[in-house]
Amino acid sequence: MGLLQRFVIRCTLFVIPLVLVAETGQAQKSKYACSEPNPASLCTASNTCGSASESCSVDVKRTANSASATPSVQGAKGNSTFCVKAGTSVVWKSDTKHEGFIVDMGPKTPFDTDDIIGGSDKQVTTIAKTPGCYKYSLGACLSGAIYGMCENTTAELVVVQ
């Protein structure tokens, strides 16, 4: 075996454990807010929507390959985790014409209503009541949709005290 081959093998045997250790460290951090030990600690001024005196507006729409919920926070991206304070009005709406949506908060909802079904002609106003972290699913369809014209996704919402 040549000198170069031995060098490559030794380097490979040295690098593989380093990569495994690095990936293990990253695996401990979750990309989901609701998997974090204290999801409320992720809430900042840049991702908190609305207040006790101002409602939080969430635009729900169908995108090319999914559905999207975008809160009225400057620079917010669709389906990014956002926060609201308990007592805040959350207005679910669609700014896209001829579009309908449904938001399913799952078995436990932070809002004063279980059904969030609306569209471009019907916005739904809810009041955030129960603090906690909630993973929700949403679907959006174009009016008169046929198979393949609806899309869905999941996102997260943190309600803080």
Protein backbone atom coordinates (compact mmCIF):
# COMPACT_ATOMS: atom_id res chain seq x y z
CA MET A 1 0.00 0.00 0.00
CA GLY A 2 1.40 3.35 -1.00
CA LEU A 3 2.03 6.33 1.21
CA LEU A 4 -0.80 8.32 -0.36
CA GLN A 5 -3.34 5.53 0.19
CA ARG A 6 -2.40 5.20 3.88
CA PHE A 7 -2.69 8.98 4.29
CA VAL A 8 -6.18 9.02 2.74
CA ILE A 9 -7.36 6.12 4.91
CA ARG A 10 -6.05 7.73 8.11
CA CYS A 11 -7.62 11.08 7.23
CA THR A 12 -10.93 9.38 6.52
CA LEU A 13 -10.83 7.48 9.83
CA PHE A 14 -10.13 10.77 11.63
CA VAL A 15 -12.82 12.83 9.87
CA ILE A 16 -15.74 10.37 10.17
CA PRO A 17 -15.95 10.56 14.00
CA LEU A 18 -15.78 14.36 13.84
CA VAL A 19 -18.70 14.49 11.41
CA LEU A 20 -20.74 12.12 13.58
CA VAL A 21 -20.11 14.21 16.71
CA ALA A 22 -21.06 17.41 14.87
CA GLU A 23 -24.31 15.90 13.57
CA THR A 24 -25.21 14.59 17.04
CA GLY A 25 -24.84 18.08 18.47
CA GLN A 26 -27.10 19.49 15.77
CA ALA A 27 -29.70 16.77 16.27
CA GLN A 28 -30.34 18.01 19.80
CA LYS A 29 -31.65 21.34 18.48
CA SER A 30 -35.08 20.93 16.96
CA LYS A 31 -36.28 22.93 13.99
CA TYR A 32 -39.74 22.87 15.58
CA ALA A 33 -40.55 25.48 18.21
CA CYS A 34 -43.00 23.19 19.99
CA SER A 35 -40.22 20.64 20.55
CA GLU A 36 -38.11 23.18 22.43
CA PRO A 37 -38.13 23.09 26.26
CA ASN A 38 -39.39 26.70 26.46
CA PRO A 39 -41.02 27.76 23.17
CA ALA A 40 -42.03 31.15 24.59
CA SER A 41 -38.34 32.06 24.83
CA LEU A 42 -38.28 32.08 21.01
CA CYS A 43 -40.73 35.00 20.91
CA THR A 44 -39.19 38.36 20.07
CA ALA A 45 -40.47 41.69 18.81
CA SER A 46 -39.65 40.58 15.27
CA ASN A 47 -41.92 37.50 15.35
CA THR A 48 -44.71 38.63 17.71
CA CYS A 49 -47.87 39.62 15.90
CA GLY A 50 -50.48 42.06 17.17
CA SER A 51 -51.11 43.21 20.74
CA ALA A 52 -53.99 43.69 23.16
CA SER A 53 -55.00 46.82 21.21
CA GLU A 54 -54.06 45.72 17.66
CA SER A 55 -55.15 42.52 15.93
CA CYS A 56 -52.80 40.08 14.25
CA SER A 57 -53.72 39.42 10.63
CA VAL A 58 -52.71 36.09 9.05
CA ASP A 59 -52.87 35.73 5.26
CA VAL A 60 -53.63 32.13 4.27
CA LYS A 61 -53.07 31.20 0.64
CA ARG A 62 -52.33 28.40 -1.73
CA THR A 63 -48.79 28.50 -3.12
CA ALA A 64 -47.34 26.57 -6.03
CA ASN A 65 -46.59 23.43 -4.01
CA SER A 66 -48.12 24.03 -0.60
CA ALA A 67 -50.33 26.27 1.49
CA SER A 68 -48.98 29.21 3.44
CA ALA A 69 -49.90 31.26 6.52
CA THR A 70 -48.08 34.59 6.79
CA PRO A 71 -48.62 36.78 9.88
CA SER A 72 -48.67 40.58 9.62
CA VAL A 73 -45.16 40.95 11.01
CA GLN A 74 -42.66 42.90 8.95
CA GLY A 75 -40.40 40.50 7.07
CA ALA A 76 -42.40 37.40 8.04
CA LYS A 77 -42.13 34.38 5.78
CA GLY A 78 -44.92 31.96 5.08
CA ASN A 79 -45.32 29.17 7.65
CA SER A 80 -42.70 30.64 9.95
CA THR A 81 -43.38 30.27 13.66
CA PHE A 82 -45.01 33.36 15.07
CA CYS A 83 -46.16 34.47 18.50
CA VAL A 84 -49.21 36.29 19.84
CA LYS A 85 -50.02 37.41 23.36
CA ALA A 86 -53.06 35.96 25.12
CA GLY A 87 -56.01 38.25 24.53
CA THR A 88 -54.92 39.21 21.01
CA SER A 89 -57.46 39.05 18.16
CA VAL A 90 -56.14 36.92 15.32
CA VAL A 91 -57.78 37.56 11.94
CA TRP A 92 -57.43 34.65 9.53
CA LYS A 93 -58.01 35.79 5.94
CA SER A 94 -56.99 35.25 2.34
CA ASP A 95 -55.86 38.16 0.22
CA THR A 96 -56.01 35.94 -2.89
CA LYS A 97 -59.27 36.16 -4.85
CA HIS A 98 -61.49 33.09 -5.10
CA GLU A 99 -59.64 31.14 -2.44
CA GLY A 100 -60.87 29.24 0.60
CA PHE A 101 -59.01 27.87 3.60
CA ILE A 102 -59.33 25.82 6.75
CA VAL A 103 -57.04 25.98 9.78
CA ASP A 104 -57.02 22.95 12.09
CA MET A 105 -55.43 23.56 15.48
CA GLY A 106 -55.75 19.90 16.44
CA PRO A 107 -57.30 18.52 19.62
CA LYS A 108 -56.38 21.56 21.74
CA THR A 109 -56.95 25.06 20.42
CA PRO A 110 -55.67 28.30 21.93
CA PHE A 111 -58.62 30.19 20.48
CA ASP A 112 -62.18 30.88 21.54
CA THR A 113 -63.46 28.82 18.58
CA ASP A 114 -62.64 25.41 17.17
CA ASP A 115 -63.59 26.09 13.55
CA ILE A 116 -61.44 28.40 11.46
CA ILE A 117 -62.94 28.12 7.99
CA GLY A 118 -62.85 31.13 5.70
CA GLY A 119 -61.61 32.56 2.44
CA SER A 120 -61.20 35.64 0.33
CA ASP A 121 -64.85 36.55 0.97
CA LYS A 122 -64.93 35.54 4.65
CA GLN A 123 -62.29 36.37 7.21
CA VAL A 124 -62.44 34.67 10.61
CA THR A 125 -61.57 36.51 13.82
CA THR A 126 -60.47 34.49 16.83
CA ILE A 127 -59.17 35.50 20.26
CA ALA A 128 -56.00 33.82 21.56
CA LYS A 129 -56.87 32.57 25.04
CA THR A 130 -54.68 29.67 26.15
CA PRO A 131 -50.90 30.15 26.37
CA GLY A 132 -48.75 27.38 24.90
CA CYS A 133 -47.18 26.15 21.70
CA TYR A 134 -49.48 24.83 18.98
CA LYS A 135 -48.69 22.97 15.79
CA TYR A 136 -51.49 23.51 13.32
CA SER A 137 -52.34 22.35 9.83
CA LEU A 138 -53.91 24.45 7.15
CA GLY A 139 -55.29 23.89 3.72
CA ALA A 140 -56.08 26.32 0.93
CA CYS A 141 -58.05 25.75 -2.26
CA LEU A 142 -58.97 27.77 -5.30
CA SER A 143 -62.72 28.23 -5.76
CA GLY A 144 -64.23 25.41 -7.82
CA ALA A 145 -61.10 23.36 -7.23
CA ILE A 146 -60.70 19.92 -8.66
CA TYR A 147 -58.25 17.22 -7.61
CA GLY A 148 -54.80 18.73 -7.21
CA MET A 149 -56.03 22.32 -6.82
CA CYS A 150 -55.81 22.27 -3.01
CA GLU A 151 -52.63 22.32 -0.96
CA ASN A 152 -51.90 21.90 2.73
CA THR A 153 -49.05 22.28 5.21
CA THR A 154 -48.27 22.57 8.91
CA ALA A 155 -46.91 25.48 10.93
CA GLU A 156 -46.53 26.58 14.54
CA LEU A 157 -47.95 29.30 16.76
CA VAL A 158 -46.85 30.28 20.26
CA VAL A 159 -49.34 32.04 22.56
CA VAL A 160 -47.58 33.84 25.41
CA GLN A 161 -48.98 35.28 28.61
